[in-house]
Amino acid sequence: MKFIFLEPFFGGSHRNFAQGLISHSKHEIYLFTMPSRFWKWRMRGAALYFAKKIPSLKNYDGFISTNLMSLSDFKALCGPSCPPSLVYFHENQLTYPLAPGESRDFQFGFTDITTALAADRVLFNSQTHFDAFFSNLPAFLNMMPEYRPKWVLEVIRKKAHVLYPGCLFPAAQGALSDFPPHTEAPPLIIWNHRWEFDKNPADFFCALDAVLERNLDFRLALLGENFQMVPKEFIAAQQRYGHRIVRYGHEPSREKYCEWLGRGAIVISTAKQENFGMAVVEAIRYGCIPLLPARLSYPEIIPQNYHSEVLYQDQADLVDKLALRISNTSRFLTLRRNLSKAMEHFAWENLIDQYDEFLEKLANLKPFPG
């Protein structure tokens, strides 16, 4: 079958998801993209751009997009030629935290709602994300002074499902699981998240300062993409940690990025917003011991029997767990191996059959509204 995939924000997890799906699916998927910047303007205007740039939709069995485009606008512009449509929600604007000093523009939340309504099928990247969206939707609609469309909740829920995004790492059991003890000292701490406010770098660097005060040392690789200005926390960190920083900035080479993860001993998240956590899953798969908040999607992606070891309750708990791991990384070799093996589930090779089956069922639907 033939599908068209429109990605208005081709960067980070959005890029990895699109490339992974296309390279692993048995179907033909044709990708059209826009650069990963100005996300607000993508939600406002990407539909207008794609409506004039893509070929005729009549040649495709199905249509895929992510929610940083108004699907309702796009379908209105394209008319009845649009085949059955699928929207993948990496994030949503009902629950996304605000940057400091920013006020919420409710129109973006309504764009997510109309996009979900216009789609024939909706996928969320975790059960945590699914639950958060539908838990917050009633209160969001109740902000309207009158004529509240409460019916939309059940309409969207009936066509919504959860399907984890695939990750670009080996699925074979023996490919990465036989980790030797870390011999590089001091241990290397990995930050491979976006350099954005919602990933909360301030708490991350506070934790590093706290272990330095305990006379514990480390090296630091500050990876991850930065789509706009470099946050002040990273500028200050470059000066404060100096020689401890062995990598500062995004690593564009996938091969070298994976090499950094393989050298890493610890990966930390202090995120305020995380609907899946592809960066963390990748780091764990390559042998990093995770330290993650006991909230957001992390309790979902980490097997429950490891929660007490890798999930922290507050900042003090993070510092204590980090200090323990820095002072004795060899103690956690079995934990590294077990967690890496647990992440195999998220490899594209182990998920692609579910996606292909979903796309085949999508293609057999009558175009919306049916």
Protein backbone atom coordinates (compact mmCIF):
# COMPACT_ATOMS: atom_id res chain seq x y z
CA MET A 1 0.00 0.00 0.00
CA LYS A 2 1.01 3.63 -0.47
CA PHE A 3 0.81 6.27 2.25
CA ILE A 4 1.78 9.91 2.46
CA PHE A 5 3.31 11.27 5.67
CA LEU A 6 3.37 15.00 6.39
CA GLU A 7 5.71 16.11 9.21
CA PRO A 8 5.64 19.88 9.84
CA PHE A 9 8.33 19.69 12.56
CA PHE A 10 11.06 17.42 11.22
CA GLY A 11 13.44 17.23 14.15
CA GLY A 12 14.12 15.32 17.35
CA SER A 13 11.67 12.54 18.17
CA HIS A 14 9.39 13.64 15.32
CA ARG A 15 12.20 13.05 12.81
CA ASN A 16 13.28 9.76 14.39
CA PHE A 17 9.71 8.47 14.40
CA ALA A 18 9.09 9.34 10.75
CA GLN A 19 12.38 7.92 9.53
CA GLY A 20 12.00 4.76 11.60
CA LEU A 21 8.47 4.08 10.39
CA ILE A 22 9.39 4.60 6.75
CA SER A 23 12.55 2.49 6.88
CA HIS A 24 10.89 -0.46 8.64
CA SER A 25 7.38 -0.59 7.18
CA LYS A 26 6.62 -3.05 4.39
CA HIS A 27 4.42 -0.37 2.82
CA GLU A 28 5.52 2.57 0.68
CA ILE A 29 5.44 5.75 2.78
CA TYR A 30 6.31 9.05 1.11
CA LEU A 31 7.52 11.73 3.48
CA PHE A 32 7.11 15.51 3.11
CA THR A 33 8.58 17.74 5.80
CA MET A 34 9.16 21.24 7.12
CA PRO A 35 12.12 22.26 9.34
CA SER A 36 11.84 21.88 13.11
CA ARG A 37 11.38 25.51 14.14
CA PHE A 38 8.55 27.95 14.90
CA TRP A 39 6.17 25.25 16.14
CA LYS A 40 3.36 27.74 16.76
CA TRP A 41 3.46 28.88 13.16
CA ARG A 42 3.54 25.26 12.02
CA MET A 43 0.25 24.64 13.82
CA ARG A 44 -1.19 27.77 12.27
CA GLY A 45 0.13 27.52 8.73
CA ALA A 46 1.62 24.14 7.83
CA ALA A 47 -1.68 23.01 6.30
CA LEU A 48 -1.55 25.89 3.82
CA TYR A 49 2.01 25.02 2.82
CA PHE A 50 1.42 21.29 2.35
CA ALA A 51 -1.87 21.79 0.51
CA LYS A 52 0.09 23.36 -2.37
CA LYS A 53 3.32 21.37 -2.16
CA ILE A 54 2.26 17.72 -2.10
CA PRO A 55 1.11 15.61 -5.05
CA SER A 56 -2.48 14.49 -5.59
CA LEU A 57 -3.79 12.53 -2.63
CA LYS A 58 -5.84 10.31 -4.91
CA ASN A 59 -2.77 8.14 -5.45
CA TYR A 60 -2.49 7.11 -1.79
CA ASP A 61 -4.26 4.54 0.37
CA GLY A 62 -3.86 6.56 3.55
CA PHE A 63 -2.61 9.79 5.03
CA ILE A 64 -0.38 10.26 8.13
CA SER A 65 0.48 13.43 10.01
CA THR A 66 1.51 14.56 13.46
CA ASN A 67 -0.47 17.01 15.52
CA LEU A 68 1.71 20.07 14.88
CA MET A 69 -0.48 20.74 11.86
CA SER A 70 -4.17 21.59 11.72
CA LEU A 71 -5.65 18.53 10.02
CA SER A 72 -9.09 20.15 9.85
CA ASP A 73 -7.60 23.05 7.85
CA PHE A 74 -5.71 20.66 5.61
CA LYS A 75 -8.74 18.50 4.83
CA ALA A 76 -10.85 21.57 4.15
CA LEU A 77 -8.26 22.75 1.61
CA CYS A 78 -7.81 19.34 -0.02
CA GLY A 79 -11.48 18.45 -0.22
CA PRO A 80 -12.82 14.95 -0.80
CA SER A 81 -9.56 13.65 -2.33
CA CYS A 82 -8.04 13.08 1.13
CA PRO A 83 -7.76 9.36 1.92
CA PRO A 84 -8.36 7.93 5.43
CA SER A 85 -6.20 9.86 7.87
CA LEU A 86 -4.12 9.04 10.93
CA VAL A 87 -2.71 11.60 13.38
CA TYR A 88 0.12 10.70 15.73
CA PHE A 89 0.21 12.75 18.94
CA HIS A 90 3.78 13.15 20.20
CA GLU A 91 2.55 15.95 22.51
CA ASN A 92 -0.57 18.06 22.96
CA GLN A 93 -1.26 21.67 23.81
CA LEU A 94 -3.86 20.95 26.50
CA THR A 95 -1.22 19.71 28.93
CA TYR A 96 2.07 21.14 27.66
CA PRO A 97 3.72 23.31 30.36
CA LEU A 98 4.20 27.02 29.77
CA ALA A 99 7.61 28.62 29.46
CA PRO A 100 8.43 31.21 32.14
CA GLY A 101 6.55 34.42 31.44
CA GLU A 102 4.40 32.85 28.74
CA SER A 103 0.59 32.96 28.78
CA ARG A 104 -1.42 30.13 27.28
CA ASP A 105 -2.89 30.59 23.82
CA PHE A 106 -5.97 28.37 24.01
CA GLN A 107 -6.30 28.26 20.24
CA PHE A 108 -3.50 25.68 20.03
CA GLY A 109 -5.46 23.37 22.32
CA PHE A 110 -8.51 23.76 20.13
CA THR A 111 -6.37 23.01 17.08
CA ASP A 112 -5.42 19.69 18.68
CA ILE A 113 -9.11 19.00 19.32
CA THR A 114 -10.24 19.77 15.77
CA THR A 115 -7.29 17.82 14.38
CA ALA A 116 -8.33 14.77 16.40
CA LEU A 117 -11.93 15.20 15.30
CA ALA A 118 -10.93 15.45 11.64
CA ALA A 119 -8.76 12.32 11.79
CA ASP A 120 -10.13 8.86 11.13
CA ARG A 121 -7.73 7.37 13.66
CA VAL A 122 -5.67 8.95 16.47
CA LEU A 123 -2.57 7.44 18.06
CA PHE A 124 -0.91 8.54 21.32
CA ASN A 125 2.70 7.64 22.11
CA SER A 126 1.96 6.30 25.62
CA GLN A 127 -0.90 5.41 27.93
CA THR A 128 0.27 8.25 30.17
CA HIS A 129 -0.22 10.71 27.31
CA PHE A 130 -3.57 9.21 26.35
CA ASP A 131 -4.85 9.48 29.93
CA ALA A 132 -3.56 13.04 30.39
CA PHE A 133 -5.23 14.25 27.19
CA PHE A 134 -8.64 12.84 28.03
CA SER A 135 -8.38 13.81 31.71
CA ASN A 136 -7.71 17.45 30.82
CA LEU A 137 -10.12 17.71 27.90
CA PRO A 138 -13.34 18.27 29.96
CA ALA A 139 -11.82 21.15 31.97
CA PHE A 140 -10.44 22.67 28.78
CA LEU A 141 -13.88 22.61 27.15
CA ASN A 142 -15.49 24.02 30.30
CA MET A 143 -13.53 27.23 29.84
CA MET A 144 -15.95 28.12 27.08
CA PRO A 145 -18.62 30.50 28.44
CA GLU A 146 -21.44 28.65 26.67
CA TYR A 147 -22.29 26.06 24.01
CA ARG A 148 -19.63 23.70 25.32
CA PRO A 149 -19.07 20.81 22.86
CA LYS A 150 -18.76 18.08 25.48
CA TRP A 151 -19.61 15.48 22.86
CA VAL A 152 -16.11 15.71 21.38
CA LEU A 153 -14.55 13.67 24.19
CA GLU A 154 -16.30 10.42 23.34
CA VAL A 155 -16.01 10.98 19.59
CA ILE A 156 -12.24 11.29 19.84
CA ARG A 157 -11.86 8.53 22.43
CA LYS A 158 -13.64 5.99 20.22
CA LYS A 159 -10.99 6.32 17.50
CA ALA A 160 -7.96 6.85 19.78
CA HIS A 161 -5.35 4.20 20.59
CA VAL A 162 -1.91 3.90 22.17
CA LEU A 163 1.09 2.72 20.17
CA TYR A 164 4.62 3.34 21.40
CA PRO A 165 7.03 4.96 18.94
CA GLY A 166 9.75 2.67 17.68
CA CYS A 167 13.35 3.44 18.55
CA LEU A 168 16.34 3.18 16.23
CA PHE A 169 18.47 0.63 18.05
CA PRO A 170 19.13 -3.11 17.66
CA ALA A 171 16.38 -5.46 18.76
CA ALA A 172 18.50 -8.62 18.93
CA GLN A 173 19.12 -9.79 22.47
CA GLY A 174 22.88 -10.17 22.12
CA ALA A 175 23.53 -6.99 20.14
CA LEU A 176 24.11 -4.68 23.08
CA SER A 177 23.27 -6.52 26.25
CA ASP A 178 26.74 -7.86 27.24
CA PHE A 179 28.06 -4.68 28.84
CA PRO A 180 31.48 -4.71 30.47
CA PRO A 181 32.02 -2.77 33.71
CA HIS A 182 32.66 0.93 33.22
CA THR A 183 36.40 1.55 33.25
CA GLU A 184 36.40 5.24 32.34
CA ALA A 185 36.69 7.44 35.38
CA PRO A 186 35.16 9.63 36.54
CA PRO A 187 31.83 8.24 35.27
CA LEU A 188 30.20 9.96 32.32
CA ILE A 189 26.76 11.54 32.91
CA ILE A 190 24.59 11.94 29.82
CA TRP A 191 22.06 14.71 29.06
CA ASN A 192 20.51 13.84 25.68
CA HIS A 193 17.22 15.75 25.91
CA ARG A 194 16.21 18.90 24.09
CA TRP A 195 17.76 22.07 25.48
CA GLU A 196 14.36 23.46 26.40
CA PHE A 197 12.58 24.73 29.52
CA ASP A 198 10.21 21.75 29.73
CA LYS A 199 13.16 19.40 30.24
CA ASN A 200 14.04 21.44 33.37
CA PRO A 201 17.83 21.72 33.06
CA ALA A 202 18.00 23.89 36.20
CA ASP A 203 17.24 20.94 38.50
CA PHE A 204 19.68 18.76 36.57
CA PHE A 205 22.57 21.16 37.11
CA CYS A 206 21.57 21.68 40.76
CA ALA A 207 21.91 17.93 41.29
CA LEU A 208 25.37 17.99 39.73
CA ASP A 209 26.41 20.83 42.01
CA ALA A 210 25.16 18.88 45.03
CA VAL A 211 27.31 15.82 44.27
CA LEU A 212 30.34 18.02 43.69
CA GLU A 213 29.80 19.39 47.18
CA ARG A 214 30.10 15.79 48.39
CA ASN A 215 33.54 15.62 46.73
CA LEU A 216 32.32 13.27 44.02
CA ASP A 217 33.53 13.80 40.47
CA PHE A 218 32.05 13.07 37.04
CA ARG A 219 32.36 13.87 33.36
CA LEU A 220 29.50 15.34 31.41
CA ALA A 221 28.17 14.98 27.85
CA LEU A 222 25.54 17.62 27.06
CA LEU A 223 23.91 16.21 23.96
CA GLY A 224 20.43 16.88 22.61
CA GLU A 225 19.04 19.37 20.13
CA ASN A 226 18.50 23.09 20.63
CA PHE A 227 15.94 24.58 18.26
CA GLN A 228 16.25 28.24 19.25
CA MET A 229 18.50 30.18 21.64
CA VAL A 230 20.88 28.32 23.94
CA PRO A 231 19.23 28.37 27.39
CA LYS A 232 21.11 30.34 30.04
CA GLU A 233 21.52 27.23 32.19
CA PHE A 234 23.70 25.62 29.52
CA ILE A 235 25.78 28.74 28.98
CA ALA A 236 26.45 28.90 32.72
CA ALA A 237 27.19 25.17 32.84
CA GLN A 238 29.84 25.46 30.15
CA GLN A 239 31.76 27.86 32.38
CA ARG A 240 31.02 26.13 35.68
CA TYR A 241 31.94 22.56 34.75
CA GLY A 242 34.77 23.40 32.35
CA HIS A 243 37.05 20.40 31.80
CA ARG A 244 34.38 17.98 33.03
CA ILE A 245 32.37 18.61 29.84
CA VAL A 246 33.56 16.21 27.15
CA ARG A 247 30.81 17.04 24.67
CA TYR A 248 28.81 20.26 24.47
CA GLY A 249 26.01 20.42 21.91
CA HIS A 250 23.99 18.31 19.53
CA GLU A 251 25.77 15.39 17.88
CA PRO A 252 24.41 15.24 14.29
CA SER A 253 25.99 11.88 13.52
CA ARG A 254 23.74 9.04 14.63
CA GLU A 255 26.71 6.68 14.87
CA LYS A 256 28.71 9.05 17.08
CA TYR A 257 25.64 9.84 19.18
CA CYS A 258 25.20 6.13 19.92
CA GLU A 259 28.90 5.90 20.77
CA TRP A 260 28.43 8.62 23.39
CA LEU A 261 25.50 6.71 24.87
CA GLY A 262 27.62 3.56 24.97
CA ARG A 263 30.30 5.40 26.92
CA GLY A 264 27.77 6.88 29.33
CA ALA A 265 27.33 5.54 32.85
CA ILE A 266 24.25 7.53 33.93
CA VAL A 267 21.42 9.29 32.13
CA ILE A 268 19.30 11.75 34.10
CA SER A 269 15.93 13.33 33.41
CA THR A 270 14.48 16.20 35.43
CA ALA A 271 11.71 16.84 32.90
CA LYS A 272 8.49 18.66 33.64
CA GLN A 273 6.93 17.23 30.48
CA GLU A 274 7.52 13.82 28.94
CA ASN A 275 4.93 11.79 27.07
CA PHE A 276 7.21 8.90 26.14
CA GLY A 277 10.94 9.52 26.57
CA MET A 278 12.72 8.34 23.44
CA ALA A 279 16.05 9.88 24.52
CA VAL A 280 15.94 8.03 27.84
CA VAL A 281 14.95 4.73 26.23
CA GLU A 282 17.86 5.04 23.79
CA ALA A 283 20.35 5.80 26.53
CA ILE A 284 19.18 2.87 28.67
CA ARG A 285 19.39 0.52 25.69
CA TYR A 286 23.03 1.51 25.17
CA GLY A 287 23.91 0.88 28.81
CA CYS A 288 23.25 4.03 30.81
CA ILE A 289 21.73 3.66 34.26
CA PRO A 290 18.70 5.97 34.38
CA LEU A 291 17.66 8.33 37.15
CA LEU A 292 14.15 9.53 36.38
CA PRO A 293 11.32 11.30 38.21
CA ALA A 294 8.61 8.98 39.51
CA ARG A 295 5.97 10.65 37.33
CA LEU A 296 5.12 11.49 33.73
CA SER A 297 5.67 8.52 31.38
CA TYR A 298 8.69 7.10 33.20
CA PRO A 299 6.85 4.67 35.52
CA GLU A 300 5.21 3.31 32.37
CA ILE A 301 8.35 2.67 30.32
CA ILE A 302 10.47 1.32 33.21
CA PRO A 303 9.51 -2.20 34.40
CA GLN A 304 7.91 -1.96 37.82
CA ASN A 305 10.44 -4.17 39.61
CA TYR A 306 13.12 -1.53 38.90
CA HIS A 307 11.13 1.52 40.00
CA SER A 308 12.70 1.81 43.44
CA GLU A 309 16.21 1.76 41.97
CA VAL A 310 15.85 4.24 39.11
CA LEU A 311 12.85 6.48 39.91
CA TYR A 312 13.38 9.30 42.39
CA GLN A 313 10.70 11.04 44.46
CA ASP A 314 12.19 14.53 44.81
CA GLN A 315 15.40 16.51 44.34
CA ALA A 316 17.00 15.18 47.51
CA ASP A 317 16.29 11.60 46.44
CA LEU A 318 17.83 12.33 43.02
CA VAL A 319 21.02 13.64 44.63
CA ASP A 320 21.30 10.63 46.95
CA LYS A 321 20.79 8.13 44.13
CA LEU A 322 23.20 9.99 41.86
CA ALA A 323 25.89 10.09 44.54
CA LEU A 324 25.53 6.35 45.10
CA ARG A 325 25.93 5.57 41.41
CA ILE A 326 28.88 7.89 40.90
CA SER A 327 30.74 6.41 43.85
CA ASN A 328 30.25 2.78 42.75
CA THR A 329 29.22 2.33 39.12
CA SER A 330 30.47 -1.25 38.94
CA ARG A 331 27.86 -2.26 41.51
CA PHE A 332 25.10 -1.67 38.97
CA LEU A 333 26.33 -3.85 36.09
CA THR A 334 23.44 -6.32 36.40
CA LEU A 335 20.95 -3.46 36.53
CA ARG A 336 22.41 -2.02 33.32
CA ARG A 337 22.07 -5.32 31.51
CA ASN A 338 18.54 -6.00 32.71
CA LEU A 339 17.23 -2.55 31.86
CA SER A 340 18.89 -2.58 28.44
CA LYS A 341 17.20 -5.87 27.65
CA ALA A 342 13.85 -4.48 28.82
CA MET A 343 14.15 -1.66 26.28
CA GLU A 344 14.30 -4.16 23.38
CA HIS A 345 10.51 -4.00 23.36
CA PHE A 346 10.71 -0.48 21.90
CA ALA A 347 12.93 -1.35 18.92
CA TRP A 348 11.28 -0.73 15.57
CA GLU A 349 11.76 -4.37 14.59
CA ASN A 350 9.52 -5.37 17.51
CA LEU A 351 6.81 -2.78 16.88
CA ILE A 352 6.59 -2.42 13.11
CA ASP A 353 4.10 -5.26 12.61
CA GLN A 354 1.63 -3.41 14.85
CA TYR A 355 2.09 -0.25 12.79
CA ASP A 356 1.70 -2.04 9.47
CA GLU A 357 -1.46 -3.75 10.68
CA PHE A 358 -2.80 -0.40 11.87
CA LEU A 359 -2.04 1.23 8.50
CA GLU A 360 -3.75 -1.60 6.64
CA LYS A 361 -6.88 -1.20 8.75
CA LEU A 362 -6.72 2.56 8.20
CA ALA A 363 -6.59 2.14 4.42
CA ASN A 364 -9.73 0.00 4.52
CA LEU A 365 -11.75 2.71 6.28
CA LYS A 366 -14.10 4.96 4.44
CA PRO A 367 -12.77 8.53 4.42
CA PHE A 368 -14.09 10.70 7.27
CA PRO A 369 -16.93 11.21 8.14
CA GLY A 370 -17.89 7.77 6.78
